[in-house]
């Protein structure tokens, strides 16, 4: 069977089992989407090139260590790695962007502060970890929309197209996700202030 006919999951297994060209095919299949995703955030070709390369280096290292566990979700996983590397880049360069969805209180508002002391940075990391755990407690449809909106920076039109639901349904799921996040914050007594 030709590699072009293999699924991403089969290509990943082929690469893990020593087939280097399987990785090349995986990268070539996804490179435009990953490059565009990074460039649209950093708006600098040199930085985009660096982050793009760093992303795939991390992908390769994770695959080589056998730590990849998200069957069938290769591109979202790669985009999440790219997103995390961009956050690190912005943090280092003090250009963090505000992640907010409305004028109301938002559990993600605290992420925007880029002038934190080392102590506050540790507290912020703990808060981020707590928020990530809360996201996992959301119903699947709400979690999907929240992740697409907050972490992939997708528009509600893009979310609607990707999930096959109306824009109103996507907006509703986001609203319920944020309401549920607030309830979970209160239930687990998580402090979102430093």
Protein backbone atom coordinates (compact mmCIF):
# COMPACT_ATOMS: atom_id res chain seq x y z
CA UNK A 1 0.00 0.00 0.00
CA UNK A 2 1.29 3.46 -0.84
CA UNK A 3 1.87 5.84 2.05
CA UNK A 4 -0.41 8.47 0.48
CA UNK A 5 -3.34 6.12 1.14
CA UNK A 6 -2.54 5.68 4.83
CA UNK A 7 -4.47 7.51 7.54
CA UNK A 8 -2.63 9.91 9.85
CA UNK A 9 -2.81 7.28 12.58
CA UNK A 10 -1.18 4.70 10.28
CA UNK A 11 1.49 7.23 9.22
CA UNK A 12 2.26 7.97 12.88
CA UNK A 13 2.66 4.25 13.61
CA UNK A 14 4.82 3.84 10.51
CA UNK A 15 7.06 6.70 11.63
CA UNK A 16 7.32 5.36 15.20
CA UNK A 17 8.34 2.03 13.68
CA UNK A 18 11.20 3.65 11.77
CA UNK A 19 9.68 4.87 8.49
CA UNK A 20 11.10 8.42 8.24
CA UNK A 21 9.21 9.22 5.02
CA UNK A 22 5.90 8.73 6.89
CA UNK A 23 6.79 11.76 9.03
CA UNK A 24 7.65 13.78 5.93
CA UNK A 25 4.21 13.01 4.52
CA UNK A 26 2.53 13.97 7.82
CA UNK A 27 4.39 17.28 7.90
CA UNK A 28 3.72 18.05 4.23
CA UNK A 29 0.02 17.31 4.71
CA UNK A 30 -0.29 19.72 7.65
CA UNK A 31 2.45 22.32 7.11
CA UNK A 32 0.32 25.02 5.42
CA UNK A 33 -2.34 24.93 8.14
CA UNK A 34 0.25 25.00 10.95
CA UNK A 35 2.32 27.76 9.30
CA UNK A 36 -0.79 29.91 8.70
CA UNK A 37 -2.01 29.32 12.26
CA UNK A 38 1.32 30.60 13.65
CA UNK A 39 1.74 33.46 11.19
CA UNK A 40 -1.77 34.79 11.84
CA UNK A 41 -0.83 35.20 15.51
CA UNK A 42 2.76 36.49 15.37
CA UNK A 43 2.64 38.39 12.03
CA UNK A 44 6.37 37.99 11.52
CA UNK A 45 7.81 35.55 8.97
CA UNK A 46 11.11 34.94 10.79
CA UNK A 47 9.40 34.26 14.11
CA UNK A 48 6.84 32.08 12.31
CA UNK A 49 9.64 30.02 10.73
CA UNK A 50 11.30 29.53 14.14
CA UNK A 51 8.07 28.57 15.88
CA UNK A 52 7.07 26.31 12.99
CA UNK A 53 10.38 24.43 13.24
CA UNK A 54 10.18 24.28 17.04
CA UNK A 55 6.67 22.88 16.77
CA UNK A 56 7.71 20.01 14.55
CA UNK A 57 10.84 19.33 16.60
CA UNK A 58 8.56 18.91 19.62
CA UNK A 59 6.22 16.71 17.55
CA UNK A 60 9.13 14.51 16.48
CA UNK A 61 10.52 14.21 20.03
CA UNK A 62 7.09 13.34 21.44
CA UNK A 63 6.48 10.72 18.75
CA UNK A 64 9.98 9.24 19.21
CA UNK A 65 9.37 8.93 22.97
CA UNK A 66 6.09 7.13 22.26
CA UNK A 67 4.10 9.78 24.17
CA UNK A 68 1.56 10.61 21.45
CA UNK A 69 -1.87 9.42 22.62
CA UNK A 70 -4.45 11.35 20.58
CA UNK A 71 -5.39 8.98 17.79
CA UNK A 72 -7.12 10.71 14.90
CA UNK A 73 -6.47 14.17 16.30
CA UNK A 74 -3.01 14.84 14.93
CA UNK A 75 -3.56 18.36 13.53
CA UNK A 76 -5.33 19.73 16.64
CA UNK A 77 -2.50 18.26 18.74
CA UNK A 78 0.15 19.92 16.55
CA UNK A 79 -1.74 23.24 16.66
CA UNK A 80 -1.89 23.01 20.46
CA UNK A 81 1.89 22.53 20.56
CA UNK A 82 2.30 25.55 18.26
CA UNK A 83 -0.10 27.56 20.43
CA UNK A 84 1.87 26.73 23.59
CA UNK A 85 5.14 27.71 21.90
CA UNK A 86 3.57 31.01 20.81
CA UNK A 87 2.46 31.70 24.38
CA UNK A 88 6.04 31.10 25.52
CA UNK A 89 7.31 33.41 22.78
CA UNK A 90 4.88 36.19 23.73
CA UNK A 91 5.67 35.74 27.39
CA UNK A 92 9.37 36.13 26.73
CA UNK A 93 8.76 39.13 24.52
CA UNK A 94 6.08 40.71 26.72
CA UNK A 95 3.50 40.78 23.96
CA UNK A 96 0.85 38.55 25.52
CA UNK A 97 -2.59 39.11 24.09
CA UNK A 98 -5.79 39.31 26.11
CA UNK A 99 -8.02 36.29 25.80
CA UNK A 100 -11.55 37.44 26.48
CA UNK A 101 -14.93 36.63 25.02
CA UNK A 102 -17.21 39.34 26.36
CA UNK A 103 -17.53 42.36 28.64
CA UNK A 104 -18.52 40.07 31.49
CA UNK A 105 -16.16 38.46 34.00
CA UNK A 106 -14.29 35.72 32.19
CA UNK A 107 -12.22 32.96 33.78
CA UNK A 108 -9.63 33.48 31.04
CA UNK A 109 -9.08 37.21 31.67
CA UNK A 110 -6.26 36.60 34.13
CA UNK A 111 -4.09 35.00 31.42
CA UNK A 112 -3.34 38.38 29.88
CA UNK A 113 -1.06 39.83 32.59
CA UNK A 114 2.46 39.67 31.18
CA UNK A 115 4.23 41.65 33.91
CA UNK A 116 4.32 38.98 36.59
CA UNK A 117 7.03 38.37 39.16
CA UNK A 118 8.51 34.87 39.39
CA UNK A 119 6.25 34.08 42.34
CA UNK A 120 3.16 35.30 40.50
CA UNK A 121 4.23 33.34 37.42
CA UNK A 122 4.21 30.13 39.47
CA UNK A 123 0.75 30.98 40.85
CA UNK A 124 -0.45 31.79 37.33
CA UNK A 125 0.80 28.41 36.06
CA UNK A 126 -1.11 26.68 38.86
CA UNK A 127 -4.26 28.62 37.95
CA UNK A 128 -3.81 27.64 34.29
CA UNK A 129 -3.45 23.98 35.30
CA UNK A 130 -6.59 24.23 37.45
CA UNK A 131 -8.52 25.84 34.57
CA UNK A 132 -7.36 23.11 32.15
CA UNK A 133 -8.68 20.46 34.56
CA UNK A 134 -12.01 22.29 34.79
CA UNK A 135 -12.28 22.40 31.00
CA UNK A 136 -12.04 18.60 31.00
CA UNK A 137 -15.13 18.44 33.26
CA UNK A 138 -17.33 20.25 30.71
CA UNK A 139 -19.78 18.31 28.53
CA UNK A 140 -18.01 17.27 25.33
CA UNK A 141 -19.91 19.64 23.00
CA UNK A 142 -19.20 22.66 25.24
CA UNK A 143 -15.57 21.67 25.73
CA UNK A 144 -15.09 21.35 21.96
CA UNK A 145 -16.42 24.86 21.26
CA UNK A 146 -14.51 26.42 24.17
CA UNK A 147 -11.21 24.85 23.04
CA UNK A 148 -11.74 25.93 19.44
CA UNK A 149 -12.57 29.50 20.51
CA UNK A 150 -10.05 30.04 23.32
CA UNK A 151 -7.08 27.92 22.29
CA UNK A 152 -7.39 27.76 18.51
CA UNK A 153 -8.74 31.31 18.22
CA UNK A 154 -11.41 30.17 15.74
CA UNK A 155 -14.33 32.43 14.84
CA UNK A 156 -17.85 31.21 15.59
CA UNK A 157 -18.35 30.86 11.82
CA UNK A 158 -15.29 28.55 11.66
CA UNK A 159 -16.53 26.62 14.71
CA UNK A 160 -19.94 26.27 13.06
CA UNK A 161 -18.36 24.95 9.85
CA UNK A 162 -16.05 22.54 11.69
CA UNK A 163 -18.68 21.11 14.06
CA UNK A 164 -21.59 21.11 11.62
CA UNK A 165 -23.88 23.13 13.91
CA UNK A 166 -25.38 26.58 13.41
CA UNK A 167 -23.54 29.69 14.58
CA UNK A 168 -26.28 30.21 17.19
CA UNK A 169 -25.75 26.69 18.54
CA UNK A 170 -21.98 27.29 18.71
CA UNK A 171 -22.58 30.60 20.54
CA UNK A 172 -24.98 28.87 22.92
CA UNK A 173 -22.49 26.11 23.67
CA UNK A 174 -19.80 28.71 24.36
CA UNK A 175 -22.13 30.62 26.68
CA UNK A 176 -23.03 27.44 28.59
CA UNK A 177 -19.35 26.44 28.72
CA UNK A 178 -18.45 29.77 30.35
CA UNK A 179 -21.39 29.54 32.76
CA UNK A 180 -20.37 25.99 33.69
CA UNK A 181 -16.74 27.07 34.09
CA UNK A 182 -17.84 29.73 36.57
CA UNK A 183 -19.87 27.12 38.49
CA UNK A 184 -16.90 24.73 38.49
CA UNK A 185 -14.59 27.49 39.74
CA UNK A 186 -16.97 28.08 42.66
CA UNK A 187 -17.55 24.36 43.28
CA UNK A 188 -13.83 23.57 43.43
CA UNK A 189 -13.09 26.86 45.25
CA UNK A 190 -10.40 27.80 42.74
CA UNK A 191 -8.97 31.28 43.24
CA UNK A 192 -8.42 33.07 39.92
CA UNK A 193 -6.70 36.09 41.45
CA UNK A 194 -3.13 36.56 42.55
